[in-house]
């Protein structure tokens, strides 16, 4: 605010070319540049730390999944198919990276909302409640839209699990398929399930 006021009103002394007259503006501008550089470096360090934490968590989950899978046989693993296990490793584990990356924002949002709503009420008075009504309306509509997207995502993942199951089965038994000339049947079967997956993705 002081820098903006200095730029708008100009130096207080009658001779603007004098160093003493522009010294406050130079100091304030330098402080602004230094704080912006420090803020950028801190944000980049925080982003790097969050991403590395997410990558380590994702790798640990993948290793844990493979270790658990190595301890049980296909006959005893009746709860999850091979396609679901592959999706756990390739898709679900990557969500940890996104979660760790967004964790600081998730923790910061309540304080940001509290501060914004307080300042909003101080500056606009009773009109604040009209803004709150619009905010709640948008929040409810976004929540409904998010629930719809979650159902579609579940359908996409189910189609992907089914397709990965058939793909792994075909790859594990490729010799038998070639011997009996079943590869084209499996190809059409996998292709049909891929079409269902693409249809869910387009939705």
C-alpha atoms as a PDB file:
ATOM      1  CA  UNK A   1       0.000   0.000   0.000  1.00  0.00           C
ATOM      2  CA  UNK A   2       2.835   2.396   0.831  1.00  0.00           C
ATOM      3  CA  UNK A   3       4.506   1.661  -2.505  1.00  0.00           C
ATOM      4  CA  UNK A   4       1.267   2.299  -4.395  1.00  0.00           C
ATOM      5  CA  UNK A   5       0.756   5.535  -2.468  1.00  0.00           C
ATOM      6  CA  UNK A   6       4.326   6.600  -3.236  1.00  0.00           C
ATOM      7  CA  UNK A   7       3.841   5.909  -6.954  1.00  0.00           C
ATOM      8  CA  UNK A   8       0.528   7.755  -7.068  1.00  0.00           C
ATOM      9  CA  UNK A   9       1.541  10.812  -5.031  1.00  0.00           C
ATOM     10  CA  UNK A  10       5.198  11.011  -5.978  1.00  0.00           C
ATOM     11  CA  UNK A  11       8.105  12.116  -3.746  1.00  0.00           C
ATOM     12  CA  UNK A  12       7.367  14.525  -0.911  1.00  0.00           C
ATOM     13  CA  UNK A  13      10.421  16.713  -1.539  1.00  0.00           C
ATOM     14  CA  UNK A  14      10.302  19.519  -4.112  1.00  0.00           C
ATOM     15  CA  UNK A  15      13.222  18.106  -6.132  1.00  0.00           C
ATOM     16  CA  UNK A  16      12.285  14.590  -7.327  1.00  0.00           C
ATOM     17  CA  UNK A  17      15.737  14.000  -8.762  1.00  0.00           C
ATOM     18  CA  UNK A  18      17.203  14.162  -5.265  1.00  0.00           C
ATOM     19  CA  UNK A  19      18.179  10.736  -3.864  1.00  0.00           C
ATOM     20  CA  UNK A  20      16.529  11.413  -0.518  1.00  0.00           C
ATOM     21  CA  UNK A  21      13.216  12.000  -2.254  1.00  0.00           C
ATOM     22  CA  UNK A  22      13.202   8.698  -4.155  1.00  0.00           C
ATOM     23  CA  UNK A  23      14.928   6.621  -1.481  1.00  0.00           C
ATOM     24  CA  UNK A  24      11.641   5.419   0.161  1.00  0.00           C
ATOM     25  CA  UNK A  25      10.315   4.264  -3.196  1.00  0.00           C
ATOM     26  CA  UNK A  26      13.531   2.411  -4.020  1.00  0.00           C
ATOM     27  CA  UNK A  27      13.516   0.706  -0.629  1.00  0.00           C
ATOM     28  CA  UNK A  28       9.867  -0.306  -0.919  1.00  0.00           C
ATOM     29  CA  UNK A  29      10.360  -1.567  -4.496  1.00  0.00           C
ATOM     30  CA  UNK A  30      13.448  -3.547  -3.477  1.00  0.00           C
ATOM     31  CA  UNK A  31      11.556  -5.092  -0.567  1.00  0.00           C
ATOM     32  CA  UNK A  32       8.741  -6.067  -2.928  1.00  0.00           C
ATOM     33  CA  UNK A  33      11.180  -7.736  -5.352  1.00  0.00           C
ATOM     34  CA  UNK A  34      13.020  -9.573  -2.554  1.00  0.00           C
ATOM     35  CA  UNK A  35       9.811 -10.828  -0.937  1.00  0.00           C
ATOM     36  CA  UNK A  36       8.477 -12.042  -4.293  1.00  0.00           C
ATOM     37  CA  UNK A  37      11.734 -13.924  -4.974  1.00  0.00           C
ATOM     38  CA  UNK A  38      11.640 -15.464  -1.496  1.00  0.00           C
ATOM     39  CA  UNK A  39       7.982 -16.414  -1.941  1.00  0.00           C
ATOM     40  CA  UNK A  40       8.772 -18.055  -5.299  1.00  0.00           C
ATOM     41  CA  UNK A  41      11.702 -20.036  -3.862  1.00  0.00           C
ATOM     42  CA  UNK A  42       9.655 -21.189  -0.854  1.00  0.00           C
ATOM     43  CA  UNK A  43       6.741 -22.247  -3.066  1.00  0.00           C
ATOM     44  CA  UNK A  44       9.042 -24.164  -5.420  1.00  0.00           C
ATOM     45  CA  UNK A  45      10.731 -25.898  -2.471  1.00  0.00           C
ATOM     46  CA  UNK A  46       7.321 -26.793  -1.021  1.00  0.00           C
ATOM     47  CA  UNK A  47       6.123 -28.132  -4.390  1.00  0.00           C
ATOM     48  CA  UNK A  48       9.263 -30.247  -4.763  1.00  0.00           C
ATOM     49  CA  UNK A  49       8.876 -31.612  -1.235  1.00  0.00           C
ATOM     50  CA  UNK A  50       5.210 -32.457  -1.804  1.00  0.00           C
ATOM     51  CA  UNK A  51       5.851 -34.203  -5.131  1.00  0.00           C
ATOM     52  CA  UNK A  52       8.773 -36.206  -3.737  1.00  0.00           C
ATOM     53  CA  UNK A  53       6.653 -37.236  -0.745  1.00  0.00           C
ATOM     54  CA  UNK A  54       3.888 -38.347  -3.094  1.00  0.00           C
ATOM     55  CA  UNK A  55       6.315 -40.293  -5.309  1.00  0.00           C
ATOM     56  CA  UNK A  56       7.809 -42.081  -2.299  1.00  0.00           C
ATOM     57  CA  UNK A  57       4.334 -42.935  -0.982  1.00  0.00           C
ATOM     58  CA  UNK A  58       3.271 -44.182  -4.425  1.00  0.00           C
ATOM     59  CA  UNK A  59       6.388 -46.334  -4.796  1.00  0.00           C
ATOM     60  CA  UNK A  60       5.904 -47.736  -1.300  1.00  0.00           C
ATOM     61  CA  UNK A  61       2.297 -48.666  -2.104  1.00  0.00           C
ATOM     62  CA  UNK A  62       3.337 -50.331  -5.382  1.00  0.00           C
ATOM     63  CA  UNK A  63       6.056 -52.305  -3.606  1.00  0.00           C
ATOM     64  CA  UNK A  64       3.592 -53.322  -0.890  1.00  0.00           C
ATOM     65  CA  UNK A  65       1.066 -54.458  -3.521  1.00  0.00           C
ATOM     66  CA  UNK A  66       3.652 -56.584  -5.335  1.00  0.00           C
ATOM     67  CA  UNK A  67       4.952 -58.022  -2.076  1.00  0.00           C
ATOM     68  CA  UNK A  68       1.438 -58.992  -1.003  1.00  0.00           C
ATOM     69  CA  UNK A  69       0.709 -60.410  -4.459  1.00  0.00           C
ATOM     70  CA  UNK A  70       3.872 -62.516  -4.332  1.00  0.00           C
ATOM     71  CA  UNK A  71       2.791 -64.112  -1.048  1.00  0.00           C
ATOM     72  CA  UNK A  72      -0.553 -65.399  -2.363  1.00  0.00           C
ATOM     73  CA  UNK A  73      -1.431 -67.557  -5.321  1.00  0.00           C
ATOM     74  CA  UNK A  74      -4.040 -66.969  -7.989  1.00  0.00           C
ATOM     75  CA  UNK A  75      -6.268 -69.608  -6.374  1.00  0.00           C
ATOM     76  CA  UNK A  76      -6.289 -67.841  -2.994  1.00  0.00           C
ATOM     77  CA  UNK A  77      -6.646 -64.340  -4.479  1.00  0.00           C
ATOM     78  CA  UNK A  78     -10.408 -64.367  -5.013  1.00  0.00           C
ATOM     79  CA  UNK A  79     -11.092 -60.785  -3.953  1.00  0.00           C
ATOM     80  CA  UNK A  80      -9.180 -58.949  -6.716  1.00  0.00           C
ATOM     81  CA  UNK A  81      -8.649 -59.857 -10.355  1.00  0.00           C
ATOM     82  CA  UNK A  82      -5.375 -59.364 -12.211  1.00  0.00           C
ATOM     83  CA  UNK A  83      -6.833 -56.333 -13.992  1.00  0.00           C
ATOM     84  CA  UNK A  84      -7.698 -54.681 -10.674  1.00  0.00           C
ATOM     85  CA  UNK A  85      -4.200 -55.356  -9.329  1.00  0.00           C
ATOM     86  CA  UNK A  86      -2.652 -53.794 -12.445  1.00  0.00           C
ATOM     87  CA  UNK A  87      -4.893 -50.758 -12.031  1.00  0.00           C
ATOM     88  CA  UNK A  88      -3.892 -50.482  -8.371  1.00  0.00           C
ATOM     89  CA  UNK A  89      -0.275 -50.247  -9.477  1.00  0.00           C
ATOM     90  CA  UNK A  90      -0.651 -48.095 -12.596  1.00  0.00           C
ATOM     91  CA  UNK A  91      -3.555 -45.790 -11.681  1.00  0.00           C
ATOM     92  CA  UNK A  92      -4.604 -45.787  -8.038  1.00  0.00           C
ATOM     93  CA  UNK A  93      -1.074 -45.502  -6.637  1.00  0.00           C
ATOM     94  CA  UNK A  94      -0.522 -42.346  -8.717  1.00  0.00           C
ATOM     95  CA  UNK A  95      -3.375 -40.637  -6.871  1.00  0.00           C
ATOM     96  CA  UNK A  96      -1.083 -40.417  -3.840  1.00  0.00           C
ATOM     97  CA  UNK A  97       1.194 -38.058  -5.782  1.00  0.00           C
ATOM     98  CA  UNK A  98      -1.750 -35.760  -6.531  1.00  0.00           C
ATOM     99  CA  UNK A  99      -2.976 -35.977  -2.921  1.00  0.00           C
ATOM    100  CA  UNK A 100       0.400 -34.996  -1.472  1.00  0.00           C
ATOM    101  CA  UNK A 101       0.708 -32.188  -4.027  1.00  0.00           C
ATOM    102  CA  UNK A 102      -2.685 -30.764  -3.010  1.00  0.00           C
ATOM    103  CA  UNK A 103      -2.328 -31.369   0.726  1.00  0.00           C
ATOM    104  CA  UNK A 104      -1.076 -27.858   1.546  1.00  0.00           C
ATOM    105  CA  UNK A 105      -3.969 -26.321  -0.394  1.00  0.00           C
ATOM    106  CA  UNK A 106      -6.450 -28.563   1.413  1.00  0.00           C
ATOM    107  CA  UNK A 107      -5.038 -27.467   4.780  1.00  0.00           C
ATOM    108  CA  UNK A 108      -5.001 -23.803   3.722  1.00  0.00           C
ATOM    109  CA  UNK A 109      -8.530 -23.575   2.319  1.00  0.00           C
ATOM    110  CA  UNK A 110     -10.408 -23.221   5.682  1.00  0.00           C
ATOM    111  CA  UNK A 111      -8.188 -20.307   6.749  1.00  0.00           C
ATOM    112  CA  UNK A 112      -8.518 -18.634   3.335  1.00  0.00           C
ATOM    113  CA  UNK A 113     -12.297 -18.971   3.435  1.00  0.00           C
ATOM    114  CA  UNK A 114     -12.465 -17.611   6.979  1.00  0.00           C
ATOM    115  CA  UNK A 115     -10.294 -14.604   6.155  1.00  0.00           C
ATOM    116  CA  UNK A 116     -12.099 -13.869   2.871  1.00  0.00           C
ATOM    117  CA  UNK A 117     -15.546 -14.102   4.427  1.00  0.00           C
ATOM    118  CA  UNK A 118     -14.496 -11.858   7.321  1.00  0.00           C
ATOM    119  CA  UNK A 119     -13.066  -9.170   5.034  1.00  0.00           C
ATOM    120  CA  UNK A 120     -16.065  -9.527   2.732  1.00  0.00           C
ATOM    121  CA  UNK A 121     -18.445  -8.857   5.636  1.00  0.00           C
ATOM    122  CA  UNK A 122     -16.364  -5.901   6.875  1.00  0.00           C
ATOM    123  CA  UNK A 123     -16.267  -4.167   3.484  1.00  0.00           C
ATOM    124  CA  UNK A 124     -19.762  -4.821   2.085  1.00  0.00           C
ATOM    125  CA  UNK A 125     -21.892  -5.203   5.205  1.00  0.00           C
ATOM    126  CA  UNK A 126     -25.232  -6.979   4.879  1.00  0.00           C
ATOM    127  CA  UNK A 127     -24.669  -7.597   1.166  1.00  0.00           C
ATOM    128  CA  UNK A 128     -22.322 -10.308   2.430  1.00  0.00           C
ATOM    129  CA  UNK A 129     -25.289 -12.646   2.859  1.00  0.00           C
ATOM    130  CA  UNK A 130     -26.208 -12.362  -0.833  1.00  0.00           C
ATOM    131  CA  UNK A 131     -22.676 -13.463  -1.696  1.00  0.00           C
ATOM    132  CA  UNK A 132     -22.959 -16.351   0.768  1.00  0.00           C
ATOM    133  CA  UNK A 133     -26.207 -17.447  -0.900  1.00  0.00           C
ATOM    134  CA  UNK A 134     -24.514 -17.495  -4.320  1.00  0.00           C
ATOM    135  CA  UNK A 135     -21.547 -19.361  -2.823  1.00  0.00           C
ATOM    136  CA  UNK A 136     -23.798 -22.029  -1.301  1.00  0.00           C
ATOM    137  CA  UNK A 137     -25.735 -22.391  -4.553  1.00  0.00           C
ATOM    138  CA  UNK A 138     -22.544 -22.933  -6.547  1.00  0.00           C
ATOM    139  CA  UNK A 139     -21.203 -25.293  -3.860  1.00  0.00           C
ATOM    140  CA  UNK A 140     -24.313 -27.496  -4.023  1.00  0.00           C
ATOM    141  CA  UNK A 141     -24.273 -27.589  -7.840  1.00  0.00           C
ATOM    142  CA  UNK A 142     -20.547 -28.435  -7.900  1.00  0.00           C
ATOM    143  CA  UNK A 143     -21.080 -31.180  -5.318  1.00  0.00           C
ATOM    144  CA  UNK A 144     -23.826 -32.739  -7.433  1.00  0.00           C
ATOM    145  CA  UNK A 145     -21.625 -32.525 -10.516  1.00  0.00           C
ATOM    146  CA  UNK A 146     -18.734 -34.103  -8.579  1.00  0.00           C
ATOM    147  CA  UNK A 147     -20.917 -37.037  -7.476  1.00  0.00           C
ATOM    148  CA  UNK A 148     -21.944 -37.595 -11.099  1.00  0.00           C
ATOM    149  CA  UNK A 149     -18.306 -37.547 -12.209  1.00  0.00           C
ATOM    150  CA  UNK A 150     -17.397 -40.002  -9.458  1.00  0.00           C
ATOM    151  CA  UNK A 151     -20.005 -42.490 -10.676  1.00  0.00           C
ATOM    152  CA  UNK A 152     -18.720 -42.149 -14.241  1.00  0.00           C
ATOM    153  CA  UNK A 153     -15.134 -42.624 -13.029  1.00  0.00           C
ATOM    154  CA  UNK A 154     -16.151 -45.798 -11.199  1.00  0.00           C
ATOM    155  CA  UNK A 155     -17.709 -47.106 -14.402  1.00  0.00           C
ATOM    156  CA  UNK A 156     -14.543 -46.248 -16.353  1.00  0.00           C
ATOM    157  CA  UNK A 157     -12.376 -48.068 -13.825  1.00  0.00           C
ATOM    158  CA  UNK A 158     -14.654 -51.123 -13.895  1.00  0.00           C
ATOM    159  CA  UNK A 159     -14.392 -51.264 -17.706  1.00  0.00           C
ATOM    160  CA  UNK A 160     -10.630 -50.819 -17.480  1.00  0.00           C
ATOM    161  CA  UNK A 161     -10.342 -53.612 -14.879  1.00  0.00           C
ATOM    162  CA  UNK A 162     -12.317 -55.938 -17.142  1.00  0.00           C
ATOM    163  CA  UNK A 163     -10.176 -55.098 -20.176  1.00  0.00           C
ATOM    164  CA  UNK A 164      -6.900 -55.488 -18.258  1.00  0.00           C
ATOM    165  CA  UNK A 165      -8.092 -58.859 -16.969  1.00  0.00           C
ATOM    166  CA  UNK A 166      -8.601 -60.153 -20.517  1.00  0.00           C
ATOM    167  CA  UNK A 167      -5.362 -58.577 -21.737  1.00  0.00           C
ATOM    168  CA  UNK A 168      -3.317 -60.232 -18.993  1.00  0.00           C
ATOM    169  CA  UNK A 169      -5.065 -63.526 -19.572  1.00  0.00           C
ATOM    170  CA  UNK A 170      -4.239 -63.344 -23.291  1.00  0.00           C
ATOM    171  CA  UNK A 171      -0.599 -62.449 -22.634  1.00  0.00           C
ATOM    172  CA  UNK A 172      -0.145 -65.174 -20.019  1.00  0.00           C
ATOM    173  CA  UNK A 173      -1.623 -67.816 -22.319  1.00  0.00           C
ATOM    174  CA  UNK A 174      -0.323 -66.540 -25.650  1.00  0.00           C
ATOM    175  CA  UNK A 175       1.112 -69.929 -26.645  1.00  0.00           C
ATOM    176  CA  UNK A 176      -2.203 -71.679 -26.107  1.00  0.00           C
ATOM    177  CA  UNK A 177      -4.032 -68.978 -28.064  1.00  0.00           C
ATOM    178  CA  UNK A 178      -1.632 -69.286 -30.978  1.00  0.00           C
ATOM    179  CA  UNK A 179      -1.792 -73.076 -30.909  1.00  0.00           C
ATOM    180  CA  UNK A 180      -5.594 -73.104 -31.119  1.00  0.00           C
ATOM    181  CA  UNK A 181      -5.889 -69.983 -33.317  1.00  0.00           C
ATOM    182  CA  UNK A 182      -7.915 -68.172 -30.672  1.00  0.00           C
ATOM    183  CA  UNK A 183      -5.963 -64.920 -30.897  1.00  0.00           C
ATOM    184  CA  UNK A 184      -8.498 -63.233 -33.181  1.00  0.00           C
ATOM    185  CA  UNK A 185     -11.367 -64.118 -30.847  1.00  0.00           C
ATOM    186  CA  UNK A 186      -9.476 -62.637 -27.903  1.00  0.00           C
ATOM    187  CA  UNK A 187      -8.546 -59.626 -29.995  1.00  0.00           C
ATOM    188  CA  UNK A 188     -12.198 -58.906 -30.793  1.00  0.00           C
ATOM    189  CA  UNK A 189     -13.156 -59.521 -27.169  1.00  0.00           C
ATOM    190  CA  UNK A 190     -10.553 -57.051 -25.879  1.00  0.00           C
ATOM    191  CA  UNK A 191     -11.454 -54.570 -28.598  1.00  0.00           C
ATOM    192  CA  UNK A 192     -15.136 -54.686 -27.618  1.00  0.00           C
ATOM    193  CA  UNK A 193     -14.274 -54.015 -23.974  1.00  0.00           C
ATOM    194  CA  UNK A 194     -11.998 -51.180 -25.043  1.00  0.00           C
ATOM    195  CA  UNK A 195     -14.944 -49.651 -26.916  1.00  0.00           C
ATOM    196  CA  UNK A 196     -17.007 -49.788 -23.720  1.00  0.00           C
ATOM    197  CA  UNK A 197     -14.184 -48.101 -21.828  1.00  0.00           C
ATOM    198  CA  UNK A 198     -13.906 -45.351 -24.449  1.00  0.00           C
ATOM    199  CA  UNK A 199     -17.658 -44.823 -24.317  1.00  0.00           C
ATOM    200  CA  UNK A 200     -17.459 -44.312 -20.549  1.00  0.00           C
ATOM    201  CA  UNK A 201     -14.501 -41.954 -21.006  1.00  0.00           C
ATOM    202  CA  UNK A 202     -16.429 -39.872 -23.544  1.00  0.00           C
ATOM    203  CA  UNK A 203     -19.309 -39.632 -21.092  1.00  0.00           C
END
